[in-house]
Amino acid sequence: MTTAQRTYRGIAYNPSEHECASNKFMDHIYRGNHYQAPLKHDPSQANEKVELHYRGSVYHHRQKVASTPTES
């Protein structure tokens, strides 16, 4: 099996042969909410002023710290 092939439930397939999400607007429903938007979209920018809570811990976005390369 080549690196381009993958296996799902024992059946090999090539993921490059499958459709990709489109950038054109379309009607769709996700978790009961109706949307008129493209299925593929770029992520929005993080708001670094927002206080985030996750499993009892409070933290802030550290996008600038995460984007700087680290020395090994």
PDB file of N, CA and C in Angstrom:
ATOM      1  N   MET A   1       0.849  -1.186   0.000  1.00  0.00           N
ATOM      2  CA  MET A   1       0.000   0.000   0.000  1.00  0.00           C
ATOM      3  C   MET A   1       0.886   1.238   0.000  1.00  0.00           C
ATOM      4  N   THR A   2       0.577   2.171  -0.868  1.00  0.00           N
ATOM      5  CA  THR A   2       1.352   3.408  -0.956  1.00  0.00           C
ATOM      6  C   THR A   2       0.904   4.370   0.133  1.00  0.00           C
ATOM      7  N   THR A   3       1.660   5.451   0.310  1.00  0.00           N
ATOM      8  CA  THR A   3       1.300   6.436   1.335  1.00  0.00           C
ATOM      9  C   THR A   3       0.042   7.208   0.945  1.00  0.00           C
ATOM     10  N   ALA A   4      -0.297   7.226  -0.363  1.00  0.00           N
ATOM     11  CA  ALA A   4      -1.494   7.935  -0.807  1.00  0.00           C
ATOM     12  C   ALA A   4      -2.753   7.132  -0.510  1.00  0.00           C
ATOM     13  N   GLN A   5      -2.621   5.827  -0.303  1.00  0.00           N
ATOM     14  CA  GLN A   5      -3.788   4.998  -0.021  1.00  0.00           C
ATOM     15  C   GLN A   5      -4.065   4.949   1.468  1.00  0.00           C
ATOM     16  N   ARG A   6      -5.318   4.881   1.814  1.00  0.00           N
ATOM     17  CA  ARG A   6      -5.735   4.714   3.197  1.00  0.00           C
ATOM     18  C   ARG A   6      -6.717   3.567   3.260  1.00  0.00           C
ATOM     19  N   THR A   7      -6.986   3.108   4.457  1.00  0.00           N
ATOM     20  CA  THR A   7      -7.901   1.988   4.628  1.00  0.00           C
ATOM     21  C   THR A   7      -9.025   2.388   5.567  1.00  0.00           C
ATOM     22  N   TYR A   8     -10.249   2.079   5.169  1.00  0.00           N
ATOM     23  CA  TYR A   8     -11.404   2.301   6.015  1.00  0.00           C
ATOM     24  C   TYR A   8     -12.178   0.992   6.087  1.00  0.00           C
ATOM     25  N   ARG A   9     -12.254   0.426   7.297  1.00  0.00           N
ATOM     26  CA  ARG A   9     -12.940  -0.845   7.527  1.00  0.00           C
ATOM     27  C   ARG A   9     -12.469  -1.929   6.571  1.00  0.00           C
ATOM     28  N   GLY A  10     -11.150  -1.965   6.367  1.00  0.00           N
ATOM     29  CA  GLY A  10     -10.557  -3.005   5.553  1.00  0.00           C
ATOM     30  C   GLY A  10     -10.559  -2.757   4.058  1.00  0.00           C
ATOM     31  N   ILE A  11     -11.112  -1.645   3.611  1.00  0.00           N
ATOM     32  CA  ILE A  11     -11.171  -1.340   2.181  1.00  0.00           C
ATOM     33  C   ILE A  11     -10.211  -0.194   1.889  1.00  0.00           C
ATOM     34  N   ALA A  12      -9.258  -0.428   0.983  1.00  0.00           N
ATOM     35  CA  ALA A  12      -8.280   0.601   0.626  1.00  0.00           C
ATOM     36  C   ALA A  12      -8.927   1.629  -0.296  1.00  0.00           C
ATOM     37  N   TYR A  13      -8.594   2.890  -0.102  1.00  0.00           N
ATOM     38  CA  TYR A  13      -9.093   3.963  -0.967  1.00  0.00           C
ATOM     39  C   TYR A  13      -8.046   5.050  -1.081  1.00  0.00           C
ATOM     40  N   ASN A  14      -8.173   5.844  -2.125  1.00  0.00           N
ATOM     41  CA  ASN A  14      -7.267   6.957  -2.361  1.00  0.00           C
ATOM     42  C   ASN A  14      -8.015   8.247  -2.032  1.00  0.00           C
ATOM     43  N   PRO A  15      -7.621   8.981  -0.987  1.00  0.00           N
ATOM     44  CA  PRO A  15      -8.370  10.182  -0.587  1.00  0.00           C
ATOM     45  C   PRO A  15      -8.359  11.292  -1.629  1.00  0.00           C
ATOM     46  N   SER A  16      -7.394  11.300  -2.547  1.00  0.00           N
ATOM     47  CA  SER A  16      -7.349  12.353  -3.565  1.00  0.00           C
ATOM     48  C   SER A  16      -8.459  12.191  -4.594  1.00  0.00           C
ATOM     49  N   GLU A  17      -9.114  11.027  -4.645  1.00  0.00           N
ATOM     50  CA  GLU A  17     -10.197  10.801  -5.594  1.00  0.00           C
ATOM     51  C   GLU A  17     -11.547  11.298  -5.067  1.00  0.00           C
ATOM     52  N   HIS A  18     -11.599  11.723  -3.806  1.00  0.00           N
ATOM     53  CA  HIS A  18     -12.852  12.181  -3.217  1.00  0.00           C
ATOM     54  C   HIS A  18     -13.039  13.671  -3.426  1.00  0.00           C
ATOM     55  N   GLU A  19     -14.276  14.101  -3.381  1.00  0.00           N
ATOM     56  CA  GLU A  19     -14.570  15.529  -3.542  1.00  0.00           C
ATOM     57  C   GLU A  19     -14.046  16.326  -2.364  1.00  0.00           C
ATOM     58  N   CYS A  20     -13.657  17.544  -2.630  1.00  0.00           N
ATOM     59  CA  CYS A  20     -13.270  18.479  -1.575  1.00  0.00           C
ATOM     60  C   CYS A  20     -14.426  19.443  -1.352  1.00  0.00           C
ATOM     61  N   ALA A  21     -14.480  20.016  -0.171  1.00  0.00           N
ATOM     62  CA  ALA A  21     -15.530  20.990   0.128  1.00  0.00           C
ATOM     63  C   ALA A  21     -15.390  22.198  -0.790  1.00  0.00           C
ATOM     64  N   SER A  22     -16.519  22.738  -1.225  1.00  0.00           N
ATOM     65  CA  SER A  22     -16.540  23.834  -2.180  1.00  0.00           C
ATOM     66  C   SER A  22     -16.566  25.185  -1.468  1.00  0.00           C
ATOM     67  N   ASN A  23     -16.097  26.228  -2.161  1.00  0.00           N
ATOM     68  CA  ASN A  23     -16.138  27.594  -1.637  1.00  0.00           C
ATOM     69  C   ASN A  23     -17.424  28.316  -2.006  1.00  0.00           C
ATOM     70  N   LYS A  24     -18.304  27.708  -2.834  1.00  0.00           N
ATOM     71  CA  LYS A  24     -19.514  28.425  -3.222  1.00  0.00           C
ATOM     72  C   LYS A  24     -20.611  28.248  -2.166  1.00  0.00           C
ATOM     73  N   PHE A  25     -21.470  29.267  -2.066  1.00  0.00           N
ATOM     74  CA  PHE A  25     -22.519  29.287  -1.063  1.00  0.00           C
ATOM     75  C   PHE A  25     -23.553  28.214  -1.355  1.00  0.00           C
ATOM     76  N   MET A  26     -24.033  27.543  -0.298  1.00  0.00           N
ATOM     77  CA  MET A  26     -25.062  26.536  -0.451  1.00  0.00           C
ATOM     78  C   MET A  26     -25.868  26.431   0.837  1.00  0.00           C
ATOM     79  N   ASP A  27     -27.105  25.951   0.712  1.00  0.00           N
ATOM     80  CA  ASP A  27     -27.947  25.726   1.881  1.00  0.00           C
ATOM     81  C   ASP A  27     -27.536  24.416   2.533  1.00  0.00           C
ATOM     82  N   HIS A  28     -27.345  24.430   3.857  1.00  0.00           N
ATOM     83  CA  HIS A  28     -27.104  23.193   4.579  1.00  0.00           C
ATOM     84  C   HIS A  28     -27.556  23.334   6.023  1.00  0.00           C
ATOM     85  N   ILE A  29     -27.757  22.206   6.670  1.00  0.00           N
ATOM     86  CA  ILE A  29     -28.216  22.176   8.060  1.00  0.00           C
ATOM     87  C   ILE A  29     -27.181  21.416   8.874  1.00  0.00           C
ATOM     88  N   TYR A  30     -26.769  21.994   9.995  1.00  0.00           N
ATOM     89  CA  TYR A  30     -25.814  21.361  10.895  1.00  0.00           C
ATOM     90  C   TYR A  30     -26.351  21.446  12.306  1.00  0.00           C
ATOM     91  N   ARG A  31     -26.547  20.309  12.940  1.00  0.00           N
ATOM     92  CA  ARG A  31     -27.073  20.218  14.300  1.00  0.00           C
ATOM     93  C   ARG A  31     -28.357  21.025  14.475  1.00  0.00           C
ATOM     94  N   GLY A  32     -29.216  20.940  13.488  1.00  0.00           N
ATOM     95  CA  GLY A  32     -30.516  21.594  13.567  1.00  0.00           C
ATOM     96  C   GLY A  32     -30.520  23.058  13.187  1.00  0.00           C
ATOM     97  N   ASN A  33     -29.376  23.636  12.875  1.00  0.00           N
ATOM     98  CA  ASN A  33     -29.301  25.044  12.479  1.00  0.00           C
ATOM     99  C   ASN A  33     -29.139  25.142  10.969  1.00  0.00           C
ATOM    100  N   HIS A  34     -29.916  26.039  10.357  1.00  0.00           N
ATOM    101  CA  HIS A  34     -29.899  26.223   8.916  1.00  0.00           C
ATOM    102  C   HIS A  34     -28.857  27.276   8.557  1.00  0.00           C
ATOM    103  N   TYR A  35     -28.015  26.981   7.580  1.00  0.00           N
ATOM    104  CA  TYR A  35     -26.963  27.900   7.147  1.00  0.00           C
ATOM    105  C   TYR A  35     -27.037  28.114   5.644  1.00  0.00           C
ATOM    106  N   GLN A  36     -26.655  29.288   5.198  1.00  0.00           N
ATOM    107  CA  GLN A  36     -26.450  29.602   3.789  1.00  0.00           C
ATOM    108  C   GLN A  36     -25.018  30.114   3.717  1.00  0.00           C
ATOM    109  N   ALA A  37     -24.084  29.188   3.530  1.00  0.00           N
ATOM    110  CA  ALA A  37     -22.667  29.532   3.551  1.00  0.00           C
ATOM    111  C   ALA A  37     -21.879  28.442   2.839  1.00  0.00           C
ATOM    112  N   PRO A  38     -20.632  28.739   2.459  1.00  0.00           N
ATOM    113  CA  PRO A  38     -19.808  27.684   1.853  1.00  0.00           C
ATOM    114  C   PRO A  38     -19.400  26.654   2.908  1.00  0.00           C
ATOM    115  N   LEU A  39     -19.253  25.396   2.504  1.00  0.00           N
ATOM    116  CA  LEU A  39     -18.817  24.363   3.430  1.00  0.00           C
ATOM    117  C   LEU A  39     -17.342  24.527   3.786  1.00  0.00           C
ATOM    118  N   LYS A  40     -16.553  25.069   2.857  1.00  0.00           N
ATOM    119  CA  LYS A  40     -15.136  25.298   3.108  1.00  0.00           C
ATOM    120  C   LYS A  40     -14.940  26.777   3.392  1.00  0.00           C
ATOM    121  N   HIS A  41     -14.284  27.101   4.478  1.00  0.00           N
ATOM    122  CA  HIS A  41     -14.036  28.500   4.810  1.00  0.00           C
ATOM    123  C   HIS A  41     -12.749  28.602   5.627  1.00  0.00           C
ATOM    124  N   ASP A  42     -12.152  29.770   5.592  1.00  0.00           N
ATOM    125  CA  ASP A  42     -10.952  30.025   6.381  1.00  0.00           C
ATOM    126  C   ASP A  42     -11.362  30.310   7.821  1.00  0.00           C
ATOM    127  N   PRO A  43     -10.560  29.882   8.785  1.00  0.00           N
ATOM    128  CA  PRO A  43     -10.904  30.159  10.181  1.00  0.00           C
ATOM    129  C   PRO A  43     -10.821  31.651  10.473  1.00  0.00           C
ATOM    130  N   SER A  44     -11.675  32.116  11.375  1.00  0.00           N
ATOM    131  CA  SER A  44     -11.646  33.530  11.738  1.00  0.00           C
ATOM    132  C   SER A  44     -10.487  33.780  12.701  1.00  0.00           C
ATOM    133  N   GLN A  45     -10.078  35.033  12.786  1.00  0.00           N
ATOM    134  CA  GLN A  45      -8.979  35.404  13.666  1.00  0.00           C
ATOM    135  C   GLN A  45      -9.398  35.257  15.127  1.00  0.00           C
ATOM    136  N   ALA A  46      -8.474  34.829  15.955  1.00  0.00           N
ATOM    137  CA  ALA A  46      -8.751  34.678  17.383  1.00  0.00           C
ATOM    138  C   ALA A  46      -8.794  36.050  18.040  1.00  0.00           C
ATOM    139  N   ASN A  47      -9.754  36.228  18.937  1.00  0.00           N
ATOM    140  CA  ASN A  47      -9.855  37.465  19.704  1.00  0.00           C
ATOM    141  C   ASN A  47      -9.046  37.267  20.981  1.00  0.00           C
ATOM    142  N   GLU A  48      -7.891  37.898  21.051  1.00  0.00           N
ATOM    143  CA  GLU A  48      -6.992  37.680  22.176  1.00  0.00           C
ATOM    144  C   GLU A  48      -7.471  38.335  23.469  1.00  0.00           C
ATOM    145  N   LYS A  49      -8.494  39.178  23.397  1.00  0.00           N
ATOM    146  CA  LYS A  49      -9.018  39.827  24.596  1.00  0.00           C
ATOM    147  C   LYS A  49     -10.041  38.951  25.317  1.00  0.00           C
ATOM    148  N   VAL A  50     -10.524  37.905  24.673  1.00  0.00           N
ATOM    149  CA  VAL A  50     -11.553  37.050  25.258  1.00  0.00           C
ATOM    150  C   VAL A  50     -10.924  36.089  26.259  1.00  0.00           C
ATOM    151  N   GLU A  51     -11.558  35.961  27.419  1.00  0.00           N
ATOM    152  CA  GLU A  51     -11.106  35.017  28.433  1.00  0.00           C
ATOM    153  C   GLU A  51     -11.759  33.671  28.154  1.00  0.00           C
ATOM    154  N   LEU A  52     -10.950  32.631  27.990  1.00  0.00           N
ATOM    155  CA  LEU A  52     -11.457  31.311  27.659  1.00  0.00           C
ATOM    156  C   LEU A  52     -11.445  30.405  28.879  1.00  0.00           C
ATOM    157  N   HIS A  53     -12.445  29.547  28.968  1.00  0.00           N
ATOM    158  CA  HIS A  53     -12.551  28.588  30.063  1.00  0.00           C
ATOM    159  C   HIS A  53     -12.598  27.191  29.465  1.00  0.00           C
ATOM    160  N   TYR A  54     -11.751  26.300  29.965  1.00  0.00           N
ATOM    161  CA  TYR A  54     -11.751  24.925  29.490  1.00  0.00           C
ATOM    162  C   TYR A  54     -11.471  24.003  30.664  1.00  0.00           C
ATOM    163  N   ARG A  55     -12.432  23.149  30.975  1.00  0.00           N
ATOM    164  CA  ARG A  55     -12.319  22.166  32.059  1.00  0.00           C
ATOM    165  C   ARG A  55     -11.850  22.797  33.358  1.00  0.00           C
ATOM    166  N   GLY A  56     -12.429  23.922  33.686  1.00  0.00           N
ATOM    167  CA  GLY A  56     -12.129  24.579  34.950  1.00  0.00           C
ATOM    168  C   GLY A  56     -10.912  25.487  34.932  1.00  0.00           C
ATOM    169  N   SER A  57     -10.165  25.510  33.853  1.00  0.00           N
ATOM    170  CA  SER A  57      -8.999  26.384  33.760  1.00  0.00           C
ATOM    171  C   SER A  57      -9.335  27.600  32.902  1.00  0.00           C
ATOM    172  N   VAL A  58      -8.768  28.732  33.281  1.00  0.00           N
ATOM    173  CA  VAL A  58      -8.969  29.970  32.543  1.00  0.00           C
ATOM    174  C   VAL A  58      -7.666  30.286  31.812  1.00  0.00           C
ATOM    175  N   TYR A  59      -7.778  30.632  30.546  1.00  0.00           N
ATOM    176  CA  TYR A  59      -6.588  31.002  29.789  1.00  0.00           C
ATOM    177  C   TYR A  59      -6.951  31.992  28.711  1.00  0.00           C
ATOM    178  N   HIS A  60      -5.925  32.624  28.122  1.00  0.00           N
ATOM    179  CA  HIS A  60      -6.083  33.591  27.048  1.00  0.00           C
ATOM    180  C   HIS A  60      -5.387  33.053  25.807  1.00  0.00           C
ATOM    181  N   HIS A  61      -5.802  33.543  24.644  1.00  0.00           N
ATOM    182  CA  HIS A  61      -5.146  33.151  23.400  1.00  0.00           C
ATOM    183  C   HIS A  61      -3.686  33.585  23.443  1.00  0.00           C
ATOM    184  N   ARG A  62      -2.830  32.718  22.981  1.00  0.00           N
ATOM    185  CA  ARG A  62      -1.411  33.060  22.885  1.00  0.00           C
ATOM    186  C   ARG A  62      -0.959  32.782  21.460  1.00  0.00           C
ATOM    187  N   GLN A  63      -1.663  33.362  20.506  1.00  0.00           N
ATOM    188  CA  GLN A  63      -1.397  33.098  19.088  1.00  0.00           C
ATOM    189  C   GLN A  63       0.003  33.565  18.700  1.00  0.00           C
ATOM    190  N   LYS A  64       0.441  34.698  19.201  1.00  0.00           N
ATOM    191  CA  LYS A  64       1.765  35.213  18.854  1.00  0.00           C
ATOM    192  C   LYS A  64       2.853  34.291  19.409  1.00  0.00           C
ATOM    193  N   VAL A  65       2.675  33.791  20.627  1.00  0.00           N
ATOM    194  CA  VAL A  65       3.652  32.893  21.218  1.00  0.00           C
ATOM    195  C   VAL A  65       3.682  31.566  20.457  1.00  0.00           C
ATOM    196  N   ALA A  66       2.515  31.073  20.071  1.00  0.00           N
ATOM    197  CA  ALA A  66       2.443  29.797  19.372  1.00  0.00           C
ATOM    198  C   ALA A  66       3.021  29.875  17.969  1.00  0.00           C
ATOM    199  N   SER A  67       2.974  31.042  17.341  1.00  0.00           N
ATOM    200  CA  SER A  67       3.454  31.164  15.968  1.00  0.00           C
ATOM    201  C   SER A  67       4.962  31.379  15.868  1.00  0.00           C
ATOM    202  N   THR A  68       5.624  31.712  16.979  1.00  0.00           N
ATOM    203  CA  THR A  68       7.069  31.912  16.928  1.00  0.00           C
ATOM    204  C   THR A  68       7.778  30.558  16.959  1.00  0.00           C
ATOM    205  N   PRO A  69       8.794  30.396  16.123  1.00  0.00           N
ATOM    206  CA  PRO A  69       9.508  29.102  16.107  1.00  0.00           C
ATOM    207  C   PRO A  69      10.315  28.892  17.392  1.00  0.00           C
ATOM    208  N   THR A  70      10.395  27.649  17.810  1.00  0.00           N
ATOM    209  CA  THR A  70      11.159  27.322  19.011  1.00  0.00           C
ATOM    210  C   THR A  70      12.484  26.702  18.603  1.00  0.00           C
ATOM    211  N   GLU A  71      13.461  26.875  19.433  1.00  0.00           N
ATOM    212  CA  GLU A  71      14.775  26.296  19.156  1.00  0.00           C
ATOM    213  C   GLU A  71      14.827  24.892  19.734  1.00  0.00           C
ATOM    214  N   SER A  72      15.440  23.959  18.980  1.00  0.00           N
ATOM    215  CA  SER A  72      15.539  22.580  19.436  1.00  0.00           C
ATOM    216  C   SER A  72      16.923  22.261  19.931  1.00  0.00           C
TER     217      SER A  72
END
